[in-house]
N, C-alpha and C. Protein backbone atom coordinates (compact mmCIF):
# COMPACT_ATOMS: atom_id res chain seq x y z
N UNK A 1 -9.10 15.98 4.34
CA UNK A 1 -9.45 14.89 3.46
C UNK A 1 -10.93 14.59 3.66
N UNK A 2 -11.69 14.64 2.58
CA UNK A 2 -13.10 14.33 2.62
C UNK A 2 -13.30 12.89 2.18
N UNK A 3 -13.76 12.06 3.13
CA UNK A 3 -13.98 10.66 2.80
C UNK A 3 -15.36 10.47 2.23
N UNK A 4 -15.44 9.58 1.27
CA UNK A 4 -16.73 9.22 0.68
C UNK A 4 -17.34 8.09 1.51
N UNK A 5 -18.65 7.91 1.42
CA UNK A 5 -19.26 6.78 2.13
C UNK A 5 -18.66 5.46 1.63
N UNK A 6 -18.65 4.46 2.48
CA UNK A 6 -18.13 3.16 2.06
C UNK A 6 -19.11 2.50 1.10
N UNK A 7 -18.64 1.46 0.41
CA UNK A 7 -19.50 0.73 -0.51
C UNK A 7 -20.71 0.16 0.25
N UNK A 8 -20.48 -0.33 1.46
CA UNK A 8 -21.57 -0.89 2.27
C UNK A 8 -22.61 0.17 2.59
N UNK A 9 -22.16 1.36 2.95
CA UNK A 9 -23.09 2.45 3.25
C UNK A 9 -23.90 2.82 2.01
N UNK A 10 -23.25 2.88 0.85
CA UNK A 10 -23.96 3.18 -0.39
C UNK A 10 -24.98 2.09 -0.72
N UNK A 11 -24.59 0.84 -0.53
CA UNK A 11 -25.48 -0.28 -0.81
C UNK A 11 -26.73 -0.20 0.07
N UNK A 12 -26.53 0.08 1.34
CA UNK A 12 -27.63 0.13 2.29
C UNK A 12 -28.54 1.33 2.02
N UNK A 13 -27.93 2.51 1.82
CA UNK A 13 -28.71 3.74 1.67
C UNK A 13 -29.45 3.84 0.34
N UNK A 14 -28.80 3.38 -0.74
CA UNK A 14 -29.39 3.54 -2.08
C UNK A 14 -29.92 2.24 -2.67
N UNK A 15 -29.82 1.15 -1.90
CA UNK A 15 -30.33 -0.17 -2.33
C UNK A 15 -29.75 -0.58 -3.69
N UNK A 16 -28.41 -0.54 -3.76
CA UNK A 16 -27.71 -0.96 -4.97
C UNK A 16 -26.81 -2.13 -4.63
N UNK A 17 -26.32 -2.82 -5.64
CA UNK A 17 -25.42 -3.95 -5.41
C UNK A 17 -24.00 -3.43 -5.16
N UNK A 18 -23.17 -4.30 -4.61
CA UNK A 18 -21.77 -3.95 -4.35
C UNK A 18 -21.05 -3.65 -5.66
N UNK A 19 -21.37 -4.41 -6.71
CA UNK A 19 -20.74 -4.19 -8.01
C UNK A 19 -21.02 -2.80 -8.55
N UNK A 20 -22.25 -2.33 -8.39
CA UNK A 20 -22.61 -0.99 -8.86
C UNK A 20 -21.83 0.06 -8.08
N UNK A 21 -21.73 -0.12 -6.75
CA UNK A 21 -21.00 0.83 -5.92
C UNK A 21 -19.52 0.86 -6.32
N UNK A 22 -18.93 -0.31 -6.54
CA UNK A 22 -17.51 -0.36 -6.91
C UNK A 22 -17.26 0.21 -8.30
N UNK A 23 -18.19 -0.01 -9.23
CA UNK A 23 -18.04 0.59 -10.56
C UNK A 23 -18.12 2.12 -10.47
N UNK A 24 -18.98 2.61 -9.61
CA UNK A 24 -19.09 4.06 -9.43
C UNK A 24 -17.77 4.63 -8.90
N UNK A 25 -17.19 3.95 -7.91
CA UNK A 25 -15.89 4.40 -7.40
C UNK A 25 -14.83 4.34 -8.49
N UNK A 26 -14.88 3.31 -9.34
CA UNK A 26 -13.93 3.19 -10.45
C UNK A 26 -14.04 4.34 -11.43
N UNK A 27 -15.27 4.77 -11.72
CA UNK A 27 -15.48 5.91 -12.62
C UNK A 27 -14.93 7.18 -11.99
N UNK A 28 -15.17 7.37 -10.69
CA UNK A 28 -14.65 8.55 -10.00
C UNK A 28 -13.12 8.56 -10.01
N UNK A 29 -12.53 7.38 -9.85
CA UNK A 29 -11.07 7.30 -9.88
C UNK A 29 -10.54 7.59 -11.28
N UNK A 30 -11.17 7.04 -12.30
CA UNK A 30 -10.73 7.25 -13.68
C UNK A 30 -10.80 8.72 -14.05
N UNK A 31 -11.83 9.42 -13.55
CA UNK A 31 -11.99 10.84 -13.83
C UNK A 31 -11.11 11.72 -12.96
N UNK A 32 -10.37 11.12 -12.01
CA UNK A 32 -9.47 11.89 -11.16
C UNK A 32 -10.19 12.63 -10.05
N UNK A 33 -11.40 12.21 -9.72
CA UNK A 33 -12.20 12.90 -8.69
C UNK A 33 -11.98 12.27 -7.32
N UNK A 34 -11.74 10.96 -7.28
CA UNK A 34 -11.57 10.26 -6.01
C UNK A 34 -10.44 9.25 -6.13
N UNK A 35 -9.92 8.85 -4.96
CA UNK A 35 -8.87 7.85 -4.94
C UNK A 35 -9.05 6.96 -3.72
N UNK A 36 -8.60 5.70 -3.81
CA UNK A 36 -8.74 4.79 -2.66
C UNK A 36 -7.76 5.15 -1.56
N UNK A 37 -8.15 4.89 -0.33
CA UNK A 37 -7.28 5.04 0.83
C UNK A 37 -7.28 3.72 1.58
N UNK A 38 -6.27 3.45 2.40
CA UNK A 38 -6.23 2.18 3.13
C UNK A 38 -7.51 1.95 3.94
N UNK A 39 -7.90 0.70 4.01
CA UNK A 39 -9.09 0.35 4.77
C UNK A 39 -10.34 0.22 3.93
N UNK A 40 -10.18 0.20 2.61
CA UNK A 40 -11.33 0.03 1.73
C UNK A 40 -12.18 1.27 1.57
N UNK A 41 -11.69 2.41 1.98
CA UNK A 41 -12.43 3.66 1.86
C UNK A 41 -11.93 4.44 0.64
N UNK A 42 -12.64 5.50 0.32
CA UNK A 42 -12.28 6.38 -0.79
C UNK A 42 -12.31 7.81 -0.29
N UNK A 43 -11.51 8.67 -0.92
CA UNK A 43 -11.54 10.09 -0.56
C UNK A 43 -11.61 10.93 -1.81
N UNK A 44 -12.12 12.13 -1.65
CA UNK A 44 -12.23 13.08 -2.75
C UNK A 44 -10.86 13.72 -2.95
N UNK A 45 -10.44 13.79 -4.19
CA UNK A 45 -9.19 14.48 -4.52
C UNK A 45 -9.51 15.96 -4.55
N UNK A 46 -8.64 16.76 -3.95
CA UNK A 46 -8.89 18.20 -3.90
C UNK A 46 -9.10 18.77 -5.29
N UNK A 47 -9.99 19.74 -5.36
CA UNK A 47 -10.29 20.37 -6.65
C UNK A 47 -9.01 20.93 -7.26
N UNK A 48 -8.80 20.63 -8.52
CA UNK A 48 -7.63 21.13 -9.22
C UNK A 48 -6.39 20.27 -9.04
N UNK A 49 -6.41 19.34 -8.10
CA UNK A 49 -5.26 18.47 -7.86
C UNK A 49 -5.27 17.35 -8.88
N UNK A 50 -4.26 17.29 -9.71
CA UNK A 50 -4.15 16.23 -10.72
C UNK A 50 -3.34 15.09 -10.13
N UNK A 51 -3.82 13.89 -10.31
CA UNK A 51 -3.14 12.71 -9.81
C UNK A 51 -2.49 12.00 -10.99
N UNK A 52 -1.18 11.87 -10.93
CA UNK A 52 -0.44 11.20 -11.99
C UNK A 52 -0.34 9.72 -11.64
N UNK A 53 -0.94 8.87 -12.44
CA UNK A 53 -1.00 7.44 -12.16
C UNK A 53 0.08 6.64 -12.89
N UNK A 54 1.01 7.32 -13.55
CA UNK A 54 2.09 6.60 -14.24
C UNK A 54 3.01 5.95 -13.20
N UNK A 55 3.72 4.88 -13.59
CA UNK A 55 4.70 4.29 -12.68
C UNK A 55 5.74 5.33 -12.27
N UNK A 56 6.29 5.16 -11.08
CA UNK A 56 7.24 6.13 -10.53
C UNK A 56 8.43 6.37 -11.44
N UNK A 57 8.99 5.30 -12.03
CA UNK A 57 10.17 5.51 -12.89
C UNK A 57 9.81 6.34 -14.12
N UNK A 58 8.58 6.23 -14.62
CA UNK A 58 8.17 7.06 -15.76
C UNK A 58 8.06 8.53 -15.34
N UNK A 59 7.53 8.76 -14.14
CA UNK A 59 7.42 10.14 -13.66
C UNK A 59 8.80 10.75 -13.42
N UNK A 60 9.73 9.93 -12.90
CA UNK A 60 11.10 10.41 -12.68
C UNK A 60 11.79 10.67 -14.01
N UNK A 61 11.63 9.77 -14.98
CA UNK A 61 12.22 9.97 -16.31
C UNK A 61 11.64 11.22 -16.95
N UNK A 62 10.40 11.55 -16.65
CA UNK A 62 9.76 12.74 -17.19
C UNK A 62 10.46 14.03 -16.77
N UNK A 63 11.18 13.99 -15.65
CA UNK A 63 11.92 15.16 -15.19
C UNK A 63 12.94 15.58 -16.24
N UNK A 64 13.55 14.61 -16.89
CA UNK A 64 14.58 14.91 -17.89
C UNK A 64 14.00 15.76 -19.02
N UNK A 65 12.87 15.34 -19.55
CA UNK A 65 12.28 16.08 -20.67
C UNK A 65 11.57 17.34 -20.19
N UNK A 66 10.88 17.27 -19.04
CA UNK A 66 10.14 18.43 -18.54
C UNK A 66 11.06 19.60 -18.18
N UNK A 67 12.23 19.28 -17.63
CA UNK A 67 13.16 20.33 -17.21
C UNK A 67 14.26 20.58 -18.24
N UNK A 68 14.17 19.89 -19.37
CA UNK A 68 15.13 20.12 -20.45
C UNK A 68 16.56 19.72 -20.10
N UNK A 69 16.73 18.66 -19.32
CA UNK A 69 18.08 18.22 -18.96
C UNK A 69 18.75 17.57 -20.18
N UNK A 70 20.01 17.85 -20.34
CA UNK A 70 20.80 17.32 -21.46
C UNK A 70 21.63 16.14 -20.98
N UNK A 71 22.15 15.38 -21.93
CA UNK A 71 23.03 14.27 -21.60
C UNK A 71 24.23 14.82 -20.84
N UNK A 72 24.57 14.19 -19.72
CA UNK A 72 25.69 14.64 -18.88
C UNK A 72 25.28 15.55 -17.75
N UNK A 73 24.05 16.04 -17.75
CA UNK A 73 23.58 16.93 -16.68
C UNK A 73 23.39 16.13 -15.39
N UNK A 74 23.63 16.79 -14.26
CA UNK A 74 23.43 16.11 -12.98
C UNK A 74 21.93 15.96 -12.73
N UNK A 75 21.57 14.84 -12.11
CA UNK A 75 20.18 14.51 -11.83
C UNK A 75 19.91 14.78 -10.36
N UNK A 76 18.69 15.17 -9.99
CA UNK A 76 18.39 15.43 -8.57
C UNK A 76 18.68 14.21 -7.69
N UNK A 77 18.99 14.48 -6.44
CA UNK A 77 19.32 13.40 -5.50
C UNK A 77 18.08 12.60 -5.13
N UNK A 78 18.31 11.41 -4.57
CA UNK A 78 17.20 10.56 -4.13
C UNK A 78 16.39 11.25 -3.05
N UNK A 79 17.05 11.99 -2.17
CA UNK A 79 16.33 12.71 -1.11
C UNK A 79 15.42 13.78 -1.69
N UNK A 80 15.94 14.53 -2.66
CA UNK A 80 15.13 15.58 -3.29
C UNK A 80 13.94 14.96 -4.03
N UNK A 81 14.17 13.84 -4.70
CA UNK A 81 13.08 13.18 -5.43
C UNK A 81 12.05 12.59 -4.47
N UNK A 82 12.51 12.05 -3.33
CA UNK A 82 11.58 11.50 -2.34
C UNK A 82 10.65 12.59 -1.82
N UNK A 83 11.20 13.76 -1.57
CA UNK A 83 10.38 14.88 -1.11
C UNK A 83 9.43 15.32 -2.21
N UNK A 84 9.93 15.40 -3.41
CA UNK A 84 9.11 15.87 -4.55
C UNK A 84 7.92 14.95 -4.83
N UNK A 85 8.14 13.63 -4.76
CA UNK A 85 7.09 12.67 -5.10
C UNK A 85 6.35 12.14 -3.89
N UNK A 86 6.80 12.47 -2.69
CA UNK A 86 6.10 12.05 -1.48
C UNK A 86 6.21 10.56 -1.20
N UNK A 87 7.34 9.97 -1.52
CA UNK A 87 7.57 8.55 -1.25
C UNK A 87 8.90 8.40 -0.51
N UNK A 88 9.19 7.20 -0.03
CA UNK A 88 10.42 6.98 0.73
C UNK A 88 11.64 6.93 -0.19
N UNK A 89 12.81 7.16 0.41
CA UNK A 89 14.06 7.10 -0.37
C UNK A 89 14.32 5.71 -0.94
N UNK A 90 14.06 4.62 -0.19
CA UNK A 90 14.27 3.30 -0.80
C UNK A 90 13.39 3.08 -2.04
N UNK A 91 12.18 3.59 -2.03
CA UNK A 91 11.30 3.47 -3.20
C UNK A 91 11.90 4.23 -4.38
N UNK A 92 12.40 5.43 -4.13
CA UNK A 92 13.04 6.23 -5.17
C UNK A 92 14.28 5.51 -5.68
N UNK A 93 15.07 4.94 -4.77
CA UNK A 93 16.30 4.25 -5.17
C UNK A 93 16.02 3.09 -6.11
N UNK A 94 14.94 2.34 -5.84
CA UNK A 94 14.58 1.22 -6.73
C UNK A 94 14.21 1.74 -8.12
N UNK A 95 13.45 2.83 -8.17
CA UNK A 95 13.07 3.40 -9.47
C UNK A 95 14.30 3.92 -10.20
N UNK A 96 15.23 4.56 -9.49
CA UNK A 96 16.45 5.06 -10.11
C UNK A 96 17.32 3.92 -10.61
N UNK A 97 17.36 2.82 -9.86
CA UNK A 97 18.12 1.64 -10.31
C UNK A 97 17.55 1.10 -11.62
N UNK A 98 16.20 1.09 -11.74
CA UNK A 98 15.58 0.62 -12.99
C UNK A 98 15.93 1.55 -14.15
N UNK A 99 15.98 2.86 -13.89
CA UNK A 99 16.35 3.81 -14.94
C UNK A 99 17.82 3.65 -15.33
N UNK A 100 18.66 3.30 -14.36
CA UNK A 100 20.06 3.03 -14.69
C UNK A 100 20.18 1.77 -15.52
N UNK A 101 19.37 0.76 -15.19
CA UNK A 101 19.42 -0.52 -15.91
C UNK A 101 19.02 -0.36 -17.38
N UNK A 102 18.09 0.54 -17.68
CA UNK A 102 17.68 0.74 -19.07
C UNK A 102 18.52 1.79 -19.78
N UNK A 103 19.49 2.37 -19.07
CA UNK A 103 20.43 3.29 -19.71
C UNK A 103 20.03 4.74 -19.76
N UNK A 104 19.03 5.14 -18.98
CA UNK A 104 18.61 6.55 -18.97
C UNK A 104 19.51 7.36 -18.04
N UNK A 105 19.92 6.77 -16.90
CA UNK A 105 20.77 7.46 -15.94
C UNK A 105 22.09 6.72 -15.79
N UNK A 106 23.12 7.44 -15.36
CA UNK A 106 24.43 6.85 -15.11
C UNK A 106 24.89 7.25 -13.72
N UNK A 107 25.77 6.45 -13.16
CA UNK A 107 26.34 6.78 -11.86
C UNK A 107 25.48 6.29 -10.73
N UNK A 108 25.39 7.06 -9.69
CA UNK A 108 24.61 6.68 -8.53
C UNK A 108 25.47 5.99 -7.51
N UNK A 109 24.82 5.39 -6.56
CA UNK A 109 25.55 4.75 -5.47
C UNK A 109 25.77 5.77 -4.36
N UNK A 110 26.22 5.27 -3.25
CA UNK A 110 26.38 6.14 -2.08
C UNK A 110 27.41 7.23 -2.33
N UNK A 111 27.00 8.46 -2.20
CA UNK A 111 27.89 9.60 -2.34
C UNK A 111 28.23 10.00 -3.76
N UNK A 112 27.70 9.29 -4.73
CA UNK A 112 27.99 9.60 -6.13
C UNK A 112 26.81 10.32 -6.76
N UNK A 113 27.09 11.24 -7.64
CA UNK A 113 26.05 12.02 -8.31
C UNK A 113 25.59 11.27 -9.55
N UNK A 114 24.28 11.18 -9.73
CA UNK A 114 23.73 10.55 -10.94
C UNK A 114 23.72 11.60 -12.04
N UNK A 115 23.96 11.14 -13.26
CA UNK A 115 23.89 12.03 -14.41
C UNK A 115 22.97 11.42 -15.46
N UNK A 116 22.53 12.27 -16.36
CA UNK A 116 21.67 11.83 -17.46
C UNK A 116 22.54 11.16 -18.50
N UNK A 117 22.22 9.93 -18.85
CA UNK A 117 22.98 9.20 -19.87
C UNK A 117 22.30 9.32 -21.22
N UNK A 118 20.95 9.32 -21.24
CA UNK A 118 20.19 9.41 -22.49
C UNK A 118 18.87 10.10 -22.21
N UNK A 119 18.40 10.87 -23.15
CA UNK A 119 17.10 11.53 -23.02
C UNK A 119 16.04 10.54 -23.48
N UNK A 120 15.13 10.14 -22.58
CA UNK A 120 14.13 9.14 -22.96
C UNK A 120 13.11 9.71 -23.94
N UNK A 121 12.69 8.86 -24.87
CA UNK A 121 11.60 9.24 -25.75
C UNK A 121 10.32 8.65 -25.18
N UNK A 122 9.18 9.07 -25.68
CA UNK A 122 7.91 8.56 -25.16
C UNK A 122 7.82 7.05 -25.28
N UNK A 123 8.35 6.45 -26.37
CA UNK A 123 8.28 5.02 -26.57
C UNK A 123 9.08 4.28 -25.51
N UNK A 124 10.25 4.85 -25.11
CA UNK A 124 11.08 4.21 -24.10
C UNK A 124 10.41 4.26 -22.74
N UNK A 125 9.65 5.32 -22.47
CA UNK A 125 9.04 5.46 -21.16
C UNK A 125 7.78 4.64 -21.02
N UNK A 126 7.13 4.21 -22.13
CA UNK A 126 5.87 3.50 -21.98
C UNK A 126 6.04 2.02 -21.88
């Protein structure tokens, strides 16, 4: 991970205001070149690495259309999704619960397999 200089270091070295430094970081983030890390620092995103900034439930719902899942098809487990998206299982479970609440997924619960209830359209996911 390549860390960028802090806003304070940029302000001191280039004699700019904090607002200018933060706007520059914002532009880098918008272009997908850098992202914030804990502690008020920023890091460079690896070349070619695309960062998907959509909410987690939208990215999970995207699996249905991206993989061509049909109504009634089994959906990947929370553990598999946690590994795929790099987040904890409780975080995945909350997103899956929201998808169940809007009617995209059916089933779930401990030991039960989730299935696709409806194929989301772009309007439903936004």
